[in-house]
Amino acid sequence: MKFFDRKEEIAELKRIREKSHENAQFTVITGRRRVGKTELVKHAFADEDYLYFYVSKKAQPDLCESFRIIAEKTLGVSVPGRIDRFQQLFRFVLEQSVHRPLTLFIDEFQDFLKIDESIINDIAGEWDAFQGKAKINLVVCGSINRLMGEIFEDKEAPLYGRNTASFRIDPFRISVLKEILAHHHPDYKPDDLLALWSFTGGIARHVALLMDDRAFTSRKMVESMIRLGSTFLDEGRTLLVEEFGKDYGNYFTVLSSIAAGHTTRNEIEQALGGSAGGYLTKLEDAYALIAKRQPIFEKSGNKNCIYRINDNFLTFWFRFVYKYNYLVELKMFEELRELILRDYPVFSGVMLEGYFKAKFAEEHRYTKMGAWWDRKGENEIDLVCENELTRKLDFYEVKRKATRFDASGLEAKLVAFFEKNPAKRKLAGKRSGVSLADM
């Protein structure tokens, strides 16, 4: 698949590079695996010869030897002496940058911790020594949220406060997914777009795999993902085991419960067989994989809460692949595909709510959006959307089929909503249904 979007990020990376010709720059780029961080940086710097170091998990002397070869080839100079510590090579690169501007891109930066934790201290020391005279554009990428946080956000960490810029790469926006699908399949239907959103959430690598496989419909996408040799089958485990460490089984139970629709703390603890508080807190705060949600305008911070997985692909993976892993083990791929397609209308219907929230956010329609439900579970409104500038409050019911929208049913729910939020009555605006036809 060709390169799409990221215009703002590319422009910012180029602007930072220009600044580095006068003053050393240290940029930290984060984002979950497969979101396209590496391709973004390579695309931004395609017009220059830059140093690219990929931190693979090998002994430090072996890693330095591979980096030495890259440095000599890219810079056209010999690295003096024996290099068996990264500190020596990093110092050499910084010395070179004193005399000529250069870019160093270090990928999977957090894996230095697994090789030798002292490398991070060494980098901090050399950076402090050279940043006043070096003309280096240092860019580092990391995929493991927990470890990147330890390196750059912990106030006791050696590199805390050293970076001059940082940004997170997010999945493709709705408009970009439309552009990608139109490029590969100009006659796509709304449900094709919904399937791409529901299964990938805009994760660049997953989108590319499906487009390259010419999987443009929900059925074709499921067939592409659920087959012998598919990387999608083990992707959730690959992404998360390293994040969670030896305790990953309990985290997987929590995420599987949420993906299955058991979203209250009580339901999650029943699945876990014990207290889930610590796991929920870490999943939300340390890993940013789930979000605690309450009815919009709820004043109490701890009442009427549910949990949702933030990542569409992981929601799909835990809902189907992890749940039915025994079918994968038995290579019963056809049966698993049929199970997914059987439940796809309900699964994608839930995802459609997130789609419209993301769409409205991208279009800057509203400043505050969320669902609303009462504590008894008798009344629920899919999307309550407020524009605090125009002081308008719109209400939407989200349905796959427009014919399923019940205007009188929504009005009945609004009675309960305004009883709970009487001050919002004067802001009330549109009452509407949105469906596949509005995507």
Protein backbone atom coordinates (compact mmCIF):
# COMPACT_ATOMS: atom_id res chain seq x y z
CA MET A 1 0.00 0.00 0.00
CA LYS A 2 1.28 3.46 -0.85
CA PHE A 3 1.94 6.04 1.85
CA PHE A 4 -1.12 8.00 3.01
CA ASP A 5 -1.69 11.07 5.20
CA ARG A 6 0.64 12.21 8.04
CA LYS A 7 1.16 15.61 6.37
CA GLU A 8 1.22 17.52 9.67
CA GLU A 9 3.64 15.08 11.30
CA ILE A 10 5.97 15.14 8.29
CA ALA A 11 5.96 18.94 8.21
CA GLU A 12 6.80 19.05 11.93
CA LEU A 13 9.64 16.54 11.58
CA LYS A 14 11.12 18.59 8.72
CA ARG A 15 10.77 21.79 10.76
CA ILE A 16 12.60 20.18 13.68
CA ARG A 17 15.33 18.99 11.33
CA GLU A 18 15.88 22.57 10.14
CA LYS A 19 16.17 23.72 13.76
CA SER A 20 18.79 21.04 14.42
CA HIS A 21 21.15 22.77 11.96
CA GLU A 22 21.58 25.42 14.64
CA ASN A 23 20.74 23.62 17.90
CA ALA A 24 20.61 19.95 18.82
CA GLN A 25 17.09 18.49 18.73
CA PHE A 26 15.83 15.37 20.52
CA THR A 27 12.39 14.16 19.41
CA VAL A 28 10.50 11.28 21.01
CA ILE A 29 7.81 9.55 18.94
CA THR A 30 5.46 7.05 20.54
CA GLY A 31 2.45 5.06 19.42
CA ARG A 32 1.28 1.48 19.52
CA ARG A 33 2.93 -1.13 17.34
CA ARG A 34 1.89 -1.23 13.66
CA VAL A 35 0.55 2.35 13.71
CA GLY A 36 3.19 3.49 11.20
CA LYS A 37 5.84 5.32 13.24
CA THR A 38 8.84 3.91 11.39
CA GLU A 39 7.38 4.49 7.93
CA LEU A 40 6.47 8.04 8.92
CA VAL A 41 10.02 8.94 9.95
CA LYS A 42 11.55 7.24 6.92
CA HIS A 43 9.14 9.07 4.65
CA ALA A 44 9.87 12.42 6.31
CA PHE A 45 13.63 12.04 5.88
CA ALA A 46 13.65 10.28 2.50
CA ASP A 47 15.41 13.29 0.97
CA GLU A 48 18.61 12.83 3.03
CA ASP A 49 21.10 10.16 4.05
CA TYR A 50 20.37 9.62 7.72
CA LEU A 51 21.57 7.10 10.28
CA TYR A 52 19.01 4.41 11.08
CA PHE A 53 19.67 2.24 14.12
CA TYR A 54 17.16 -0.49 14.90
CA VAL A 55 17.59 -1.76 18.46
CA SER A 56 17.35 -5.51 18.11
CA LYS A 57 17.61 -7.79 21.13
CA LYS A 58 21.22 -8.92 20.95
CA ALA A 59 24.36 -8.52 23.02
CA GLN A 60 25.58 -4.92 23.19
CA PRO A 61 28.91 -5.56 21.38
CA ASP A 62 27.09 -7.31 18.52
CA LEU A 63 24.54 -4.53 18.29
CA CYS A 64 27.29 -1.91 18.26
CA GLU A 65 29.10 -3.74 15.48
CA SER A 66 26.02 -3.62 13.27
CA PHE A 67 25.57 0.08 14.10
CA ARG A 68 29.26 0.75 13.35
CA ILE A 69 28.87 -0.66 9.85
CA ILE A 70 25.81 1.52 9.24
CA ALA A 71 27.56 4.63 10.58
CA GLU A 72 30.65 4.15 8.42
CA LYS A 73 28.62 3.51 5.29
CA THR A 74 26.25 6.45 5.85
CA LEU A 75 28.79 9.01 7.06
CA GLY A 76 31.66 7.93 4.82
CA VAL A 77 34.19 7.90 7.67
CA SER A 78 35.82 5.18 9.75
CA VAL A 79 34.88 4.69 13.38
CA PRO A 80 38.18 4.55 15.31
CA GLY A 81 39.02 1.76 17.74
CA ARG A 82 36.93 -1.13 19.02
CA ILE A 83 33.29 -0.32 19.74
CA ASP A 84 31.64 -2.58 22.29
CA ARG A 85 29.44 -0.05 24.11
CA PHE A 86 26.76 2.11 22.57
CA GLN A 87 28.09 5.10 24.49
CA GLN A 88 31.24 5.06 22.34
CA LEU A 89 29.32 5.02 19.08
CA PHE A 90 26.83 7.65 20.24
CA ARG A 91 29.70 9.92 21.24
CA PHE A 92 31.29 9.42 17.81
CA VAL A 93 28.04 10.39 16.05
CA LEU A 94 27.67 13.47 18.25
CA GLU A 95 31.26 14.48 17.49
CA GLN A 96 30.56 14.17 13.78
CA SER A 97 27.46 16.36 14.15
CA VAL A 98 29.54 19.19 15.60
CA HIS A 99 31.07 19.68 12.15
CA ARG A 100 28.09 18.80 9.95
CA PRO A 101 24.34 18.54 10.63
CA LEU A 102 23.02 15.00 10.62
CA THR A 103 19.96 12.96 11.56
CA LEU A 104 20.07 9.87 13.78
CA PHE A 105 16.90 7.78 13.97
CA ILE A 106 16.83 5.08 16.69
CA ASP A 107 13.92 2.65 16.35
CA GLU A 108 12.48 0.53 19.20
CA PHE A 109 14.45 2.72 21.59
CA GLN A 110 12.91 1.15 24.70
CA ASP A 111 14.67 -2.14 23.96
CA PHE A 112 17.95 -0.62 25.18
CA LEU A 113 16.54 -1.35 28.66
CA LYS A 114 16.47 -5.05 27.87
CA ILE A 115 20.06 -5.07 26.62
CA ASP A 116 21.66 -3.00 29.37
CA GLU A 117 19.87 -0.37 31.46
CA SER A 118 23.09 1.63 31.76
CA ILE A 119 22.83 2.54 28.06
CA ILE A 120 20.10 5.06 28.90
CA ASN A 121 22.38 6.70 31.49
CA ASP A 122 25.20 6.79 28.95
CA ILE A 123 22.97 8.46 26.36
CA ALA A 124 21.92 11.08 28.91
CA GLY A 125 25.52 11.82 29.83
CA GLU A 126 26.71 12.19 26.25
CA TRP A 127 23.69 14.30 25.31
CA ASP A 128 24.39 16.69 28.17
CA ALA A 129 28.01 16.96 27.10
CA PHE A 130 27.32 17.68 23.42
CA GLN A 131 23.89 19.30 23.11
CA GLY A 132 25.36 22.81 23.30
CA LYS A 133 27.59 22.28 20.26
CA ALA A 134 26.12 19.37 18.30
CA LYS A 135 23.98 19.93 15.22
CA ILE A 136 22.11 16.66 15.50
CA ASN A 137 18.51 15.77 14.76
CA LEU A 138 18.02 12.83 17.13
CA VAL A 139 14.70 11.03 16.67
CA VAL A 140 13.76 8.01 18.78
CA CYS A 141 10.70 5.79 18.39
CA GLY A 142 9.19 3.39 20.88
CA SER A 143 6.22 1.03 20.87
CA ILE A 144 5.99 -0.28 24.42
CA ASN A 145 4.07 2.35 26.33
CA ARG A 146 5.17 1.20 29.79
CA LEU A 147 8.89 1.26 29.00
CA MET A 148 8.85 4.55 27.09
CA GLY A 149 7.08 6.06 30.07
CA GLU A 150 9.80 4.78 32.40
CA ILE A 151 12.50 6.30 30.19
CA PHE A 152 11.04 9.75 29.51
CA GLU A 153 8.20 10.47 31.94
CA ASP A 154 9.56 9.24 35.27
CA LYS A 155 11.09 12.25 37.02
CA GLU A 156 13.90 10.05 38.34
CA ALA A 157 14.79 8.71 34.88
CA PRO A 158 18.10 9.83 33.31
CA LEU A 159 16.43 11.15 30.14
CA TYR A 160 13.57 12.95 31.88
CA GLY A 161 13.32 16.46 30.44
CA ARG A 162 16.08 15.90 27.86
CA ASN A 163 13.87 15.65 24.77
CA THR A 164 13.01 18.88 22.96
CA ALA A 165 9.82 17.58 21.30
CA SER A 166 7.48 14.63 21.54
CA PHE A 167 4.34 13.45 19.86
CA ARG A 168 2.20 10.37 19.62
CA ILE A 169 1.24 8.83 16.29
CA ASP A 170 -2.45 8.00 16.19
CA PRO A 171 -4.30 5.61 13.89
CA PHE A 172 -5.63 6.88 10.56
CA ARG A 173 -8.58 9.25 10.83
CA ILE A 174 -11.97 8.46 9.29
CA SER A 175 -11.31 10.71 6.28
CA VAL A 176 -8.04 8.90 5.57
CA LEU A 177 -9.70 5.48 5.75
CA LYS A 178 -12.21 6.75 3.19
CA GLU A 179 -9.37 7.93 0.96
CA ILE A 180 -7.54 4.61 1.24
CA LEU A 181 -10.62 2.51 0.52
CA ALA A 182 -11.63 4.74 -2.41
CA HIS A 183 -8.12 4.42 -3.86
CA HIS A 184 -8.23 0.62 -3.77
CA HIS A 185 -11.95 0.04 -4.27
CA PRO A 186 -13.73 3.09 -5.74
CA ASP A 187 -17.18 1.47 -5.56
CA TYR A 188 -16.97 0.63 -1.86
CA LYS A 189 -20.18 0.47 0.16
CA PRO A 190 -20.73 2.03 3.60
CA ASP A 191 -20.53 -1.38 5.25
CA ASP A 192 -17.09 -1.92 3.66
CA LEU A 193 -15.88 1.24 5.36
CA LEU A 194 -17.48 0.20 8.65
CA ALA A 195 -15.77 -3.20 8.45
CA LEU A 196 -12.37 -1.60 7.83
CA TRP A 197 -12.93 0.72 10.82
CA SER A 198 -14.30 -2.04 13.05
CA PHE A 199 -11.50 -4.54 12.38
CA THR A 200 -8.49 -2.20 12.21
CA GLY A 201 -9.42 1.06 13.95
CA GLY A 202 -7.15 2.76 11.42
CA ILE A 203 -3.93 0.94 12.42
CA ALA A 204 -1.74 1.45 9.36
CA ARG A 205 -0.18 -2.02 9.15
CA HIS A 206 -3.53 -3.81 9.49
CA VAL A 207 -5.13 -1.56 6.86
CA ALA A 208 -2.21 -2.17 4.49
CA LEU A 209 -2.40 -5.95 4.89
CA LEU A 210 -6.09 -5.97 4.03
CA MET A 211 -5.74 -3.60 1.09
CA ASP A 212 -2.77 -5.53 -0.31
CA ASP A 213 -4.85 -8.71 -0.03
CA ARG A 214 -7.70 -7.01 -1.90
CA ALA A 215 -9.96 -7.59 1.08
CA PHE A 216 -12.48 -4.79 0.56
CA THR A 217 -15.68 -6.22 2.11
CA SER A 218 -16.46 -7.56 5.57
CA ARG A 219 -16.46 -11.16 4.32
CA LYS A 220 -13.19 -10.74 2.41
CA MET A 221 -11.58 -9.05 5.42
CA VAL A 222 -12.58 -11.90 7.71
CA GLU A 223 -11.31 -14.43 5.18
CA SER A 224 -8.00 -12.55 4.96
CA MET A 225 -7.53 -12.30 8.73
CA ILE A 226 -8.70 -15.81 9.65
CA ARG A 227 -6.58 -18.25 7.67
CA LEU A 228 -3.50 -20.37 8.04
CA GLY A 229 -0.40 -18.20 8.42
CA SER A 230 -2.28 -14.97 9.07
CA THR A 231 -0.36 -12.54 11.28
CA PHE A 232 -3.69 -11.29 12.66
CA LEU A 233 -4.21 -14.52 14.61
CA ASP A 234 -1.37 -13.98 17.08
CA GLU A 235 -1.22 -10.20 16.83
CA GLY A 236 -2.98 -9.43 20.11
CA ARG A 237 -0.69 -11.75 22.04
CA THR A 238 2.39 -10.37 20.27
CA LEU A 239 1.37 -6.81 21.10
CA LEU A 240 0.55 -7.29 24.75
CA VAL A 241 2.56 -10.10 26.34
CA GLU A 242 5.66 -7.93 26.30
CA GLU A 243 3.73 -5.03 27.81
CA PHE A 244 2.21 -7.05 30.66
CA GLY A 245 5.02 -9.46 31.48
CA LYS A 246 4.35 -12.60 33.52
CA ASP A 247 0.97 -11.31 34.70
CA TYR A 248 -0.44 -11.15 31.18
CA GLY A 249 -3.02 -13.91 31.79
CA ASN A 250 -5.01 -11.79 34.24
CA TYR A 251 -4.86 -8.76 31.96
CA PHE A 252 -6.07 -10.90 29.07
CA THR A 253 -9.02 -12.10 31.18
CA VAL A 254 -9.99 -8.51 31.96
CA LEU A 255 -9.73 -7.41 28.32
CA SER A 256 -11.59 -10.48 27.09
CA SER A 257 -14.42 -9.76 29.52
CA ILE A 258 -14.73 -6.16 28.34
CA ALA A 259 -14.62 -7.19 24.67
CA ALA A 260 -17.44 -9.66 25.30
CA GLY A 261 -19.66 -6.88 26.66
CA HIS A 262 -19.13 -7.51 30.38
CA THR A 263 -18.11 -3.95 31.06
CA THR A 264 -18.96 -3.18 34.70
CA ARG A 265 -16.40 -3.74 37.43
CA ASN A 266 -18.59 -6.37 39.04
CA GLU A 267 -18.88 -8.33 35.78
CA ILE A 268 -15.14 -8.08 35.18
CA GLU A 269 -14.34 -9.30 38.69
CA GLN A 270 -16.67 -12.25 38.26
CA ALA A 271 -14.73 -13.25 35.15
CA LEU A 272 -11.40 -12.71 36.91
CA GLY A 273 -12.44 -14.46 40.10
CA GLY A 274 -11.11 -11.69 42.31
CA SER A 275 -10.44 -7.97 42.61
CA ALA A 276 -9.84 -6.21 39.30
CA GLY A 277 -9.06 -2.76 40.66
CA GLY A 278 -5.30 -2.88 40.18
CA TYR A 279 -5.56 -4.33 36.68
CA LEU A 280 -8.16 -1.79 35.58
CA THR A 281 -6.10 1.10 36.92
CA LYS A 282 -2.95 -0.04 35.11
CA LEU A 283 -4.81 -0.80 31.88
CA GLU A 284 -6.23 2.70 31.94
CA ASP A 285 -3.35 4.80 33.29
CA ALA A 286 -0.12 2.92 32.49
CA TYR A 287 -1.07 1.16 29.25
CA ALA A 288 -3.85 3.46 27.93
CA LEU A 289 -5.67 0.40 26.59
CA ILE A 290 -9.03 0.96 28.26
CA ALA A 291 -11.12 3.95 29.29
CA LYS A 292 -13.56 4.26 32.16
CA ARG A 293 -16.77 5.76 30.89
CA GLN A 294 -19.71 7.33 32.64
CA PRO A 295 -22.92 8.89 31.38
CA ILE A 296 -22.10 12.27 29.88
CA PHE A 297 -22.51 15.10 32.42
CA GLU A 298 -22.29 12.63 35.34
CA LYS A 299 -20.96 14.60 38.31
CA SER A 300 -19.71 11.75 40.48
CA GLY A 301 -16.40 10.25 39.42
CA ASN A 302 -17.06 6.75 40.67
CA LYS A 303 -20.70 5.94 39.97
CA ASN A 304 -22.40 4.15 37.09
CA CYS A 305 -19.09 3.33 35.37
CA ILE A 306 -18.36 0.95 32.53
CA TYR A 307 -15.10 0.13 30.73
CA ARG A 308 -14.29 0.04 27.03
CA ILE A 309 -11.18 -1.06 25.11
CA ASN A 310 -9.68 1.93 23.28
CA ASP A 311 -8.34 -0.11 20.36
CA ASN A 312 -10.76 -1.50 17.73
CA PHE A 313 -8.42 -4.24 16.59
CA LEU A 314 -7.84 -5.48 20.13
CA THR A 315 -11.58 -5.41 20.77
CA PHE A 316 -12.04 -7.62 17.71
CA TRP A 317 -9.11 -9.88 18.64
CA PHE A 318 -10.29 -10.50 22.21
CA ARG A 319 -13.94 -10.79 21.15
CA PHE A 320 -13.28 -13.46 18.51
CA VAL A 321 -9.70 -14.73 18.13
CA TYR A 322 -8.79 -15.03 21.81
CA LYS A 323 -12.24 -16.28 22.79
CA TYR A 324 -12.22 -18.98 20.11
CA ASN A 325 -8.52 -19.73 20.24
CA TYR A 326 -9.29 -23.46 20.44
CA LEU A 327 -10.64 -23.24 16.88
CA VAL A 328 -7.39 -21.61 15.77
CA GLU A 329 -5.41 -24.39 17.46
CA LEU A 330 -7.52 -26.98 15.62
CA LYS A 331 -7.11 -25.02 12.36
CA MET A 332 -10.89 -24.78 12.10
CA PHE A 333 -10.64 -21.47 10.26
CA GLU A 334 -13.86 -21.83 8.27
CA GLU A 335 -15.87 -22.36 11.45
CA LEU A 336 -14.28 -19.33 13.11
CA ARG A 337 -14.97 -17.19 10.05
CA GLU A 338 -18.63 -18.17 10.13
CA LEU A 339 -18.88 -17.36 13.85
CA ILE A 340 -17.41 -13.90 13.21
CA LEU A 341 -19.69 -13.22 10.26
CA ARG A 342 -22.69 -14.44 12.24
CA ASP A 343 -21.98 -11.93 15.02
CA TYR A 344 -20.64 -9.18 12.75
CA PRO A 345 -23.90 -7.16 12.56
CA VAL A 346 -24.05 -6.81 16.35
CA PHE A 347 -20.28 -6.24 16.70
CA SER A 348 -20.17 -3.60 13.96
CA GLY A 349 -23.31 -1.96 15.33
CA VAL A 350 -21.47 -1.24 18.56
CA MET A 351 -18.43 -0.07 16.58
CA LEU A 352 -20.65 2.26 14.55
CA GLU A 353 -21.23 4.38 17.65
CA GLY A 354 -17.47 4.93 17.97
CA TYR A 355 -17.26 5.65 14.25
CA PHE A 356 -19.70 8.55 14.42
CA LYS A 357 -18.04 9.92 17.55
CA ALA A 358 -14.68 9.89 15.71
CA LYS A 359 -16.27 11.38 12.58
CA PHE A 360 -17.93 14.22 14.46
CA ALA A 361 -14.68 14.93 16.32
CA GLU A 362 -12.69 15.10 13.09
CA GLU A 363 -15.28 17.47 11.63
CA HIS A 364 -15.08 19.67 14.76
CA ARG A 365 -18.85 19.55 15.12
CA TYR A 366 -18.91 19.32 18.90
CA THR A 367 -16.67 20.03 21.87
CA LYS A 368 -18.09 17.33 24.15
CA MET A 369 -19.56 13.94 23.21
CA GLY A 370 -20.58 10.79 25.00
CA ALA A 371 -23.31 8.28 25.65
CA TRP A 372 -25.89 8.65 28.38
CA TRP A 373 -27.69 5.97 30.39
CA ASP A 374 -29.56 5.85 33.65
CA ARG A 375 -28.52 3.73 36.61
CA LYS A 376 -31.33 1.26 36.16
CA GLY A 377 -30.34 0.55 32.57
CA GLU A 378 -33.83 1.41 31.32
CA ASN A 379 -32.88 4.43 29.19
CA GLU A 380 -29.81 4.86 27.00
CA ILE A 381 -28.93 7.44 24.36
CA ASP A 382 -26.12 6.47 21.99
CA LEU A 383 -24.62 9.93 21.45
CA VAL A 384 -25.20 13.17 23.29
CA CYS A 385 -23.19 15.91 21.61
CA GLU A 386 -22.66 19.43 22.93
CA ASN A 387 -21.11 22.39 21.16
CA GLU A 388 -20.06 24.69 23.98
CA LEU A 389 -19.46 27.56 21.53
CA THR A 390 -22.89 27.56 19.90
CA ARG A 391 -24.54 26.25 23.10
CA LYS A 392 -26.40 23.52 21.27
CA LEU A 393 -27.02 19.98 22.45
CA ASP A 394 -27.84 17.31 19.86
CA PHE A 395 -28.99 13.73 20.42
CA TYR A 396 -28.39 10.75 18.15
CA GLU A 397 -29.45 7.14 18.02
CA VAL A 398 -26.99 5.02 16.04
CA LYS A 399 -28.38 2.16 13.94
CA ARG A 400 -26.96 0.12 11.09
CA LYS A 401 -30.27 0.55 9.24
CA ALA A 402 -31.99 3.93 9.16
CA THR A 403 -35.41 2.25 9.28
CA ARG A 404 -34.68 1.08 12.83
CA PHE A 405 -34.56 4.61 14.22
CA ASP A 406 -37.46 5.20 16.62
CA ALA A 407 -38.06 8.94 17.02
CA SER A 408 -40.74 8.52 19.69
CA GLY A 409 -38.47 6.14 21.61
CA LEU A 410 -35.70 8.74 21.63
CA GLU A 411 -38.13 11.40 22.89
CA ALA A 412 -39.12 9.11 25.76
CA LYS A 413 -35.46 8.68 26.71
CA LEU A 414 -34.99 12.45 26.60
CA VAL A 415 -37.61 12.83 29.32
CA ALA A 416 -35.39 10.75 31.62
CA PHE A 417 -32.27 12.60 30.45
CA PHE A 418 -33.69 16.05 31.25
CA GLU A 419 -34.97 14.89 34.62
CA LYS A 420 -31.36 14.06 35.45
CA ASN A 421 -29.89 17.13 33.68
CA PRO A 422 -32.53 19.89 33.87
CA ALA A 423 -30.05 22.70 33.10
CA LYS A 424 -29.42 21.18 29.66
CA ARG A 425 -33.06 21.41 28.56
CA LYS A 426 -32.67 24.94 27.19
CA LEU A 427 -29.77 23.82 24.97
CA ALA A 428 -31.65 20.96 23.32
CA GLY A 429 -31.34 20.89 19.56
CA LYS A 430 -31.42 18.12 17.00
CA ARG A 431 -32.93 14.70 17.67
CA SER A 432 -31.86 12.36 14.95
CA GLY A 433 -30.87 8.90 13.89
CA VAL A 434 -27.62 8.14 12.05
CA SER A 435 -26.89 4.96 10.15
CA LEU A 436 -24.68 3.39 7.49
CA ALA A 437 -26.20 5.83 5.04
CA ASP A 438 -24.68 8.77 6.95
CA MET A 439 -21.10 7.50 7.08
